[in-house]
Amino acid sequence: MMGSIEGLERFDSPGKGRGLRVTRPFKVGELLFSSPAYSFVLSLSERGCYCEFCFTRKEGLARCGKCKKAFYCGVKCQKGDWAMHKLECSAMTAFGENWCPSEMSRLVARILAKKKMQKERCASERILLIEEIQSHVEDVDNEKREMTESDIAGLHRFFSKHLELPDHKDLLTLFSQVACNGFTIEDDELSHMGTAIYPDVALINHSCLPSVIVTYKGTSAEVRAVKNMNPGDEVLISYIDLLYPTDDRNNRLREFYYFTCQCQECKTKSSDKAKLKVRKQSDPIEQEVISNMVRYARKTIREFRALKRIKNIL
């Protein structure tokens, strides 16, 4: 039986298929909903810096006594992660330096383990089950298919001893689902920390004029309004970098998400001239400009978090 999220409802979005819309007003900065990850994985490059379970960055993390590769805040986080870490722990010890699955393979392994352990709808599937996520497996080109086949081979090599794997067709579908709907978890500096899957958040359609953004608190995703929203308004996020002009944006959308955006910005191309002017500048970007952009991004995230704290106080 399908659950619900207060203030939101699933609906059929014209020309887009399934979508999400608000049933009450939301103000700029207001939290629409928060979702725990269905499954998540910390990037190998971040091991030792962040806790594998809660993604907290701190000094003096405790190392897994068996593999010596995974790090945790303490016993509580280590126990919380064991159901997933055990998929990798003994394999890392056995393979040593030859243990090299892709981040995608690691995440898919955890999704399969979660499916086996939890048969009922979980907190990240209130309005969309993971099985319902769009795969576009029939649209995948030969190059992407080869990459997926490589990931599947890695899944068999590094995880089959501790995980019962479905047939090849089902694996192709699952990898395609994750490729289209996986989210990059970022820290306050917008650096890649890991990858996760959030079924409810995956229900949100794209627009180059988004109404919400997704930020992260540990491994949970928070969906916040970036404009005032009225009942009936569709919840929309941007799947891509909006600094690109229209043609480039749609090329990327077709390549990775298999559709062309029909939003007002794409129809009018009203911002293209300014974006192309920036791109055509021949001088290299100065370090100060890059630093200013990073500071602006951090400031924006802090402002959203401050709005949340103020709301909690009120």
Foldseek 3Di string as FASTA:
>chain_A
DAADFPQKDWDQDPPPGIFMFGAAKDAFLDFRDKAFFLFWAWDQVCAPQAQGQQRDGDPDFDADPQQRRHTHNDDVRCVVCCLLCVLQRVLCVVCPPNLDADLLLSRVQRNQSSVVVDVDDDRLDNHHDLVRQDQCLVVDDPVVVVVLVVNVVSNCVRGVVPGPDDDPVVSSRNSSSCLQAKDFAADLLRDGTIIGGRRVVSNHAADLPFQWDWHDRRNMITIGGNHIHGRPDTHHDHPDDSLAFLVVSQVVCCNRPNDHHDDPCNVVSVCVVVSVVVVPDPDDDDPVVVVVVSVVSSVVVVVSVVVVVVVVVD
